[in-house]
Amino acid sequence: MESKKELTEKILKITILIQEKYPELSKYLSEVQETLPSFEHPEVDASALAKYYETLDEMLKDYLMEHPEL
């Protein structure tokens, strides 16, 4: 499994990509953050970060499949 640092870097890169190239998806970023632990369970481990990254990646892939002209 990737480290928390590696996952955080991947999350940052995909978030910047979405904001710069596909700003219409930016409105969904706050919804995706709901996959991260909440105040009641604040521990963000590598597993939670991996799930968050996978959610972002799937959202972007789905969008690109629906909009192949991009």
PDB file of N, CA and C in Angstrom:
ATOM      1  N   MET A   1       0.842  -1.175   0.000  1.00  0.00           N
ATOM      2  CA  MET A   1       0.000   0.000   0.000  1.00  0.00           C
ATOM      3  C   MET A   1       0.890   1.243   0.000  1.00  0.00           C
ATOM      4  N   GLU A   2       0.401   2.274  -0.655  1.00  0.00           N
ATOM      5  CA  GLU A   2       1.136   3.521  -0.721  1.00  0.00           C
ATOM      6  C   GLU A   2       1.111   4.242   0.626  1.00  0.00           C
ATOM      7  N   SER A   3       2.115   5.067   0.835  1.00  0.00           N
ATOM      8  CA  SER A   3       2.173   5.816   2.091  1.00  0.00           C
ATOM      9  C   SER A   3       1.180   6.977   2.071  1.00  0.00           C
ATOM     10  N   LYS A   4       0.931   7.524   3.252  1.00  0.00           N
ATOM     11  CA  LYS A   4       0.021   8.658   3.348  1.00  0.00           C
ATOM     12  C   LYS A   4       0.555   9.836   2.533  1.00  0.00           C
ATOM     13  N   LYS A   5       1.856  10.010   2.536  1.00  0.00           N
ATOM     14  CA  LYS A   5       2.464  11.111   1.783  1.00  0.00           C
ATOM     15  C   LYS A   5       2.235  10.929   0.276  1.00  0.00           C
ATOM     16  N   GLU A   6       2.481   9.722  -0.213  1.00  0.00           N
ATOM     17  CA  GLU A   6       2.281   9.441  -1.643  1.00  0.00           C
ATOM     18  C   GLU A   6       0.826   9.639  -2.050  1.00  0.00           C
ATOM     19  N   LEU A   7      -0.081   9.159  -1.232  1.00  0.00           N
ATOM     20  CA  LEU A   7      -1.507   9.308  -1.527  1.00  0.00           C
ATOM     21  C   LEU A   7      -1.938  10.766  -1.492  1.00  0.00           C
ATOM     22  N   THR A   8      -1.409  11.515  -0.531  1.00  0.00           N
ATOM     23  CA  THR A   8      -1.734  12.933  -0.447  1.00  0.00           C
ATOM     24  C   THR A   8      -1.250  13.670  -1.691  1.00  0.00           C
ATOM     25  N   GLU A   9      -0.072  13.324  -2.178  1.00  0.00           N
ATOM     26  CA  GLU A   9       0.459  13.940  -3.398  1.00  0.00           C
ATOM     27  C   GLU A   9      -0.418  13.596  -4.606  1.00  0.00           C
ATOM     28  N   LYS A  10      -0.863  12.344  -4.701  1.00  0.00           N
ATOM     29  CA  LYS A  10      -1.744  11.942  -5.805  1.00  0.00           C
ATOM     30  C   LYS A  10      -3.078  12.675  -5.739  1.00  0.00           C
ATOM     31  N   ILE A  11      -3.608  12.829  -4.537  1.00  0.00           N
ATOM     32  CA  ILE A  11      -4.871  13.539  -4.355  1.00  0.00           C
ATOM     33  C   ILE A  11      -4.712  15.002  -4.771  1.00  0.00           C
ATOM     34  N   LEU A  12      -3.619  15.605  -4.376  1.00  0.00           N
ATOM     35  CA  LEU A  12      -3.366  16.991  -4.744  1.00  0.00           C
ATOM     36  C   LEU A  12      -3.281  17.142  -6.267  1.00  0.00           C
ATOM     37  N   LYS A  13      -2.554  16.251  -6.921  1.00  0.00           N
ATOM     38  CA  LYS A  13      -2.392  16.319  -8.375  1.00  0.00           C
ATOM     39  C   LYS A  13      -3.726  16.158  -9.105  1.00  0.00           C
ATOM     40  N   ILE A  14      -4.521  15.189  -8.712  1.00  0.00           N
ATOM     41  CA  ILE A  14      -5.792  14.968  -9.412  1.00  0.00           C
ATOM     42  C   ILE A  14      -6.776  16.098  -9.111  1.00  0.00           C
ATOM     43  N   THR A  15      -6.720  16.659  -7.907  1.00  0.00           N
ATOM     44  CA  THR A  15      -7.588  17.783  -7.570  1.00  0.00           C
ATOM     45  C   THR A  15      -7.224  19.008  -8.401  1.00  0.00           C
ATOM     46  N   ILE A  16      -5.948  19.279  -8.546  1.00  0.00           N
ATOM     47  CA  ILE A  16      -5.497  20.407  -9.379  1.00  0.00           C
ATOM     48  C   ILE A  16      -5.893  20.179 -10.829  1.00  0.00           C
ATOM     49  N   LEU A  17      -5.729  18.966 -11.325  1.00  0.00           N
ATOM     50  CA  LEU A  17      -6.129  18.641 -12.691  1.00  0.00           C
ATOM     51  C   LEU A  17      -7.617  18.919 -12.904  1.00  0.00           C
ATOM     52  N   ILE A  18      -8.429  18.476 -11.983  1.00  0.00           N
ATOM     53  CA  ILE A  18      -9.879  18.697 -12.085  1.00  0.00           C
ATOM     54  C   ILE A  18     -10.185  20.190 -12.072  1.00  0.00           C
ATOM     55  N   GLN A  19      -9.573  20.921 -11.165  1.00  0.00           N
ATOM     56  CA  GLN A  19      -9.862  22.354 -11.051  1.00  0.00           C
ATOM     57  C   GLN A  19      -9.394  23.128 -12.280  1.00  0.00           C
ATOM     58  N   GLU A  20      -8.277  22.735 -12.859  1.00  0.00           N
ATOM     59  CA  GLU A  20      -7.732  23.472 -13.998  1.00  0.00           C
ATOM     60  C   GLU A  20      -8.347  23.077 -15.329  1.00  0.00           C
ATOM     61  N   LYS A  21      -8.522  21.781 -15.558  1.00  0.00           N
ATOM     62  CA  LYS A  21      -8.982  21.319 -16.876  1.00  0.00           C
ATOM     63  C   LYS A  21     -10.479  21.011 -16.936  1.00  0.00           C
ATOM     64  N   TYR A  22     -11.054  20.673 -15.810  1.00  0.00           N
ATOM     65  CA  TYR A  22     -12.467  20.292 -15.781  1.00  0.00           C
ATOM     66  C   TYR A  22     -13.173  21.014 -14.630  1.00  0.00           C
ATOM     67  N   PRO A  23     -13.187  22.344 -14.669  1.00  0.00           N
ATOM     68  CA  PRO A  23     -13.754  23.097 -13.536  1.00  0.00           C
ATOM     69  C   PRO A  23     -15.220  22.783 -13.262  1.00  0.00           C
ATOM     70  N   GLU A  24     -15.922  22.270 -14.277  1.00  0.00           N
ATOM     71  CA  GLU A  24     -17.316  21.903 -14.061  1.00  0.00           C
ATOM     72  C   GLU A  24     -17.457  20.763 -13.045  1.00  0.00           C
ATOM     73  N   LEU A  25     -16.391  20.025 -12.813  1.00  0.00           N
ATOM     74  CA  LEU A  25     -16.413  18.948 -11.812  1.00  0.00           C
ATOM     75  C   LEU A  25     -16.070  19.446 -10.411  1.00  0.00           C
ATOM     76  N   SER A  26     -15.522  20.642 -10.330  1.00  0.00           N
ATOM     77  CA  SER A  26     -15.085  21.172  -9.031  1.00  0.00           C
ATOM     78  C   SER A  26     -16.211  21.199  -8.002  1.00  0.00           C
ATOM     79  N   LYS A  27     -17.425  21.418  -8.474  1.00  0.00           N
ATOM     80  CA  LYS A  27     -18.548  21.485  -7.533  1.00  0.00           C
ATOM     81  C   LYS A  27     -18.774  20.149  -6.814  1.00  0.00           C
ATOM     82  N   TYR A  28     -18.266  19.066  -7.377  1.00  0.00           N
ATOM     83  CA  TYR A  28     -18.445  17.751  -6.767  1.00  0.00           C
ATOM     84  C   TYR A  28     -17.335  17.396  -5.778  1.00  0.00           C
ATOM     85  N   LEU A  29     -16.279  18.186  -5.754  1.00  0.00           N
ATOM     86  CA  LEU A  29     -15.158  17.870  -4.870  1.00  0.00           C
ATOM     87  C   LEU A  29     -15.565  17.879  -3.403  1.00  0.00           C
ATOM     88  N   SER A  30     -16.410  18.803  -3.012  1.00  0.00           N
ATOM     89  CA  SER A  30     -16.825  18.834  -1.607  1.00  0.00           C
ATOM     90  C   SER A  30     -17.673  17.620  -1.255  1.00  0.00           C
ATOM     91  N   GLU A  31     -18.443  17.128  -2.222  1.00  0.00           N
ATOM     92  CA  GLU A  31     -19.245  15.929  -1.980  1.00  0.00           C
ATOM     93  C   GLU A  31     -18.350  14.704  -1.818  1.00  0.00           C
ATOM     94  N   VAL A  32     -17.300  14.643  -2.600  1.00  0.00           N
ATOM     95  CA  VAL A  32     -16.387  13.500  -2.541  1.00  0.00           C
ATOM     96  C   VAL A  32     -15.644  13.489  -1.212  1.00  0.00           C
ATOM     97  N   GLN A  33     -15.406  14.652  -0.641  1.00  0.00           N
ATOM     98  CA  GLN A  33     -14.708  14.723   0.640  1.00  0.00           C
ATOM     99  C   GLN A  33     -15.466  14.003   1.743  1.00  0.00           C
ATOM    100  N   GLU A  34     -16.735  13.740   1.520  1.00  0.00           N
ATOM    101  CA  GLU A  34     -17.522  13.019   2.516  1.00  0.00           C
ATOM    102  C   GLU A  34     -17.018  11.593   2.711  1.00  0.00           C
ATOM    103  N   THR A  35     -16.174  11.111   1.813  1.00  0.00           N
ATOM    104  CA  THR A  35     -15.615   9.773   1.973  1.00  0.00           C
ATOM    105  C   THR A  35     -14.507   9.755   3.020  1.00  0.00           C
ATOM    106  N   LEU A  36     -14.021  10.953   3.397  1.00  0.00           N
ATOM    107  CA  LEU A  36     -12.993  11.030   4.427  1.00  0.00           C
ATOM    108  C   LEU A  36     -13.632  10.959   5.805  1.00  0.00           C
ATOM    109  N   PRO A  37     -12.860  10.570   6.793  1.00  0.00           N
ATOM    110  CA  PRO A  37     -13.407  10.499   8.155  1.00  0.00           C
ATOM    111  C   PRO A  37     -13.955  11.850   8.621  1.00  0.00           C
ATOM    112  N   SER A  38     -14.918  11.794   9.499  1.00  0.00           N
ATOM    113  CA  SER A  38     -15.567  13.009  10.003  1.00  0.00           C
ATOM    114  C   SER A  38     -14.969  13.422  11.337  1.00  0.00           C
ATOM    115  N   PHE A  39     -15.544  14.462  11.925  1.00  0.00           N
ATOM    116  CA  PHE A  39     -15.074  14.930  13.229  1.00  0.00           C
ATOM    117  C   PHE A  39     -15.210  13.854  14.299  1.00  0.00           C
ATOM    118  N   GLU A  40     -16.233  13.023  14.184  1.00  0.00           N
ATOM    119  CA  GLU A  40     -16.425  11.973  15.178  1.00  0.00           C
ATOM    120  C   GLU A  40     -15.322  10.908  15.094  1.00  0.00           C
ATOM    121  N   HIS A  41     -14.796  10.720  13.889  1.00  0.00           N
ATOM    122  CA  HIS A  41     -13.729   9.734  13.656  1.00  0.00           C
ATOM    123  C   HIS A  41     -12.640  10.408  12.822  1.00  0.00           C
ATOM    124  N   PRO A  42     -11.821  11.245  13.464  1.00  0.00           N
ATOM    125  CA  PRO A  42     -10.897  12.097  12.723  1.00  0.00           C
ATOM    126  C   PRO A  42      -9.661  11.407  12.141  1.00  0.00           C
ATOM    127  N   GLU A  43      -9.408  10.169  12.456  1.00  0.00           N
ATOM    128  CA  GLU A  43      -8.205   9.501  11.970  1.00  0.00           C
ATOM    129  C   GLU A  43      -8.269   9.287  10.460  1.00  0.00           C
ATOM    130  N   VAL A  44      -7.337   9.913   9.773  1.00  0.00           N
ATOM    131  CA  VAL A  44      -7.240   9.740   8.327  1.00  0.00           C
ATOM    132  C   VAL A  44      -6.015   8.859   8.080  1.00  0.00           C
ATOM    133  N   ASP A  45      -6.275   7.616   7.774  1.00  0.00           N
ATOM    134  CA  ASP A  45      -5.173   6.693   7.528  1.00  0.00           C
ATOM    135  C   ASP A  45      -4.991   6.493   6.023  1.00  0.00           C
ATOM    136  N   ALA A  46      -4.011   5.705   5.668  1.00  0.00           N
ATOM    137  CA  ALA A  46      -3.709   5.466   4.251  1.00  0.00           C
ATOM    138  C   ALA A  46      -4.894   4.839   3.527  1.00  0.00           C
ATOM    139  N   SER A  47      -5.638   4.015   4.211  1.00  0.00           N
ATOM    140  CA  SER A  47      -6.802   3.377   3.596  1.00  0.00           C
ATOM    141  C   SER A  47      -7.872   4.409   3.227  1.00  0.00           C
ATOM    142  N   ALA A  48      -8.124   5.356   4.117  1.00  0.00           N
ATOM    143  CA  ALA A  48      -9.108   6.411   3.843  1.00  0.00           C
ATOM    144  C   ALA A  48      -8.644   7.297   2.695  1.00  0.00           C
ATOM    145  N   LEU A  49      -7.355   7.623   2.676  1.00  0.00           N
ATOM    146  CA  LEU A  49      -6.815   8.433   1.584  1.00  0.00           C
ATOM    147  C   LEU A  49      -6.888   7.686   0.253  1.00  0.00           C
ATOM    148  N   ALA A  50      -6.612   6.392   0.276  1.00  0.00           N
ATOM    149  CA  ALA A  50      -6.692   5.592  -0.943  1.00  0.00           C
ATOM    150  C   ALA A  50      -8.119   5.563  -1.471  1.00  0.00           C
ATOM    151  N   LYS A  51      -9.079   5.409  -0.587  1.00  0.00           N
ATOM    152  CA  LYS A  51     -10.489   5.406  -0.989  1.00  0.00           C
ATOM    153  C   LYS A  51     -10.881   6.755  -1.577  1.00  0.00           C
ATOM    154  N   TYR A  52     -10.432   7.837  -0.954  1.00  0.00           N
ATOM    155  CA  TYR A  52     -10.723   9.181  -1.437  1.00  0.00           C
ATOM    156  C   TYR A  52     -10.126   9.381  -2.830  1.00  0.00           C
ATOM    157  N   TYR A  53      -8.873   8.961  -3.024  1.00  0.00           N
ATOM    158  CA  TYR A  53      -8.238   9.093  -4.331  1.00  0.00           C
ATOM    159  C   TYR A  53      -8.994   8.274  -5.383  1.00  0.00           C
ATOM    160  N   GLU A  54      -9.344   7.061  -5.047  1.00  0.00           N
ATOM    161  CA  GLU A  54     -10.067   6.201  -5.990  1.00  0.00           C
ATOM    162  C   GLU A  54     -11.406   6.826  -6.387  1.00  0.00           C
ATOM    163  N   THR A  55     -12.070   7.470  -5.447  1.00  0.00           N
ATOM    164  CA  THR A  55     -13.333   8.134  -5.740  1.00  0.00           C
ATOM    165  C   THR A  55     -13.119   9.286  -6.718  1.00  0.00           C
ATOM    166  N   LEU A  56     -12.091  10.089  -6.483  1.00  0.00           N
ATOM    167  CA  LEU A  56     -11.769  11.187  -7.400  1.00  0.00           C
ATOM    168  C   LEU A  56     -11.417  10.664  -8.783  1.00  0.00           C
ATOM    169  N   ASP A  57     -10.609   9.623  -8.818  1.00  0.00           N
ATOM    170  CA  ASP A  57     -10.169   9.037 -10.079  1.00  0.00           C
ATOM    171  C   ASP A  57     -11.353   8.476 -10.872  1.00  0.00           C
ATOM    172  N   GLU A  58     -12.247   7.786 -10.193  1.00  0.00           N
ATOM    173  CA  GLU A  58     -13.441   7.240 -10.853  1.00  0.00           C
ATOM    174  C   GLU A  58     -14.346   8.345 -11.380  1.00  0.00           C
ATOM    175  N   MET A  59     -14.504   9.397 -10.585  1.00  0.00           N
ATOM    176  CA  MET A  59     -15.331  10.517 -11.015  1.00  0.00           C
ATOM    177  C   MET A  59     -14.770  11.121 -12.303  1.00  0.00           C
ATOM    178  N   LEU A  60     -13.468  11.317 -12.350  1.00  0.00           N
ATOM    179  CA  LEU A  60     -12.833  11.887 -13.534  1.00  0.00           C
ATOM    180  C   LEU A  60     -12.943  10.941 -14.730  1.00  0.00           C
ATOM    181  N   LYS A  61     -12.683   9.669 -14.524  1.00  0.00           N
ATOM    182  CA  LYS A  61     -12.791   8.688 -15.617  1.00  0.00           C
ATOM    183  C   LYS A  61     -14.217   8.623 -16.168  1.00  0.00           C
ATOM    184  N   ASP A  62     -15.191   8.591 -15.281  1.00  0.00           N
ATOM    185  CA  ASP A  62     -16.597   8.561 -15.714  1.00  0.00           C
ATOM    186  C   ASP A  62     -16.941   9.794 -16.534  1.00  0.00           C
ATOM    187  N   TYR A  63     -16.484  10.938 -16.073  1.00  0.00           N
ATOM    188  CA  TYR A  63     -16.754  12.183 -16.788  1.00  0.00           C
ATOM    189  C   TYR A  63     -16.132  12.145 -18.186  1.00  0.00           C
ATOM    190  N   LEU A  64     -14.900  11.684 -18.276  1.00  0.00           N
ATOM    191  CA  LEU A  64     -14.218  11.633 -19.568  1.00  0.00           C
ATOM    192  C   LEU A  64     -14.862  10.629 -20.513  1.00  0.00           C
ATOM    193  N   MET A  65     -15.406   9.554 -19.981  1.00  0.00           N
ATOM    194  CA  MET A  65     -16.113   8.578 -20.829  1.00  0.00           C
ATOM    195  C   MET A  65     -17.409   9.166 -21.360  1.00  0.00           C
ATOM    196  N   GLU A  66     -18.080   9.990 -20.552  1.00  0.00           N
ATOM    197  CA  GLU A  66     -19.323  10.621 -20.963  1.00  0.00           C
ATOM    198  C   GLU A  66     -19.097  11.798 -21.905  1.00  0.00           C
ATOM    199  N   HIS A  67     -17.882  12.343 -21.888  1.00  0.00           N
ATOM    200  CA  HIS A  67     -17.540  13.494 -22.723  1.00  0.00           C
ATOM    201  C   HIS A  67     -16.267  13.190 -23.512  1.00  0.00           C
ATOM    202  N   PRO A  68     -16.320  12.255 -24.427  1.00  0.00           N
ATOM    203  CA  PRO A  68     -15.099  11.836 -25.141  1.00  0.00           C
ATOM    204  C   PRO A  68     -14.493  12.935 -26.014  1.00  0.00           C
ATOM    205  N   GLU A  69     -15.252  13.966 -26.310  1.00  0.00           N
ATOM    206  CA  GLU A  69     -14.735  15.041 -27.153  1.00  0.00           C
ATOM    207  C   GLU A  69     -13.717  15.903 -26.441  1.00  0.00           C
ATOM    208  N   LEU A  70     -13.562  15.744 -25.119  1.00  0.00           N
ATOM    209  CA  LEU A  70     -12.632  16.578 -24.352  1.00  0.00           C
ATOM    210  C   LEU A  70     -11.218  16.102 -24.466  1.00  0.00           C
TER     211      LEU A  70
END
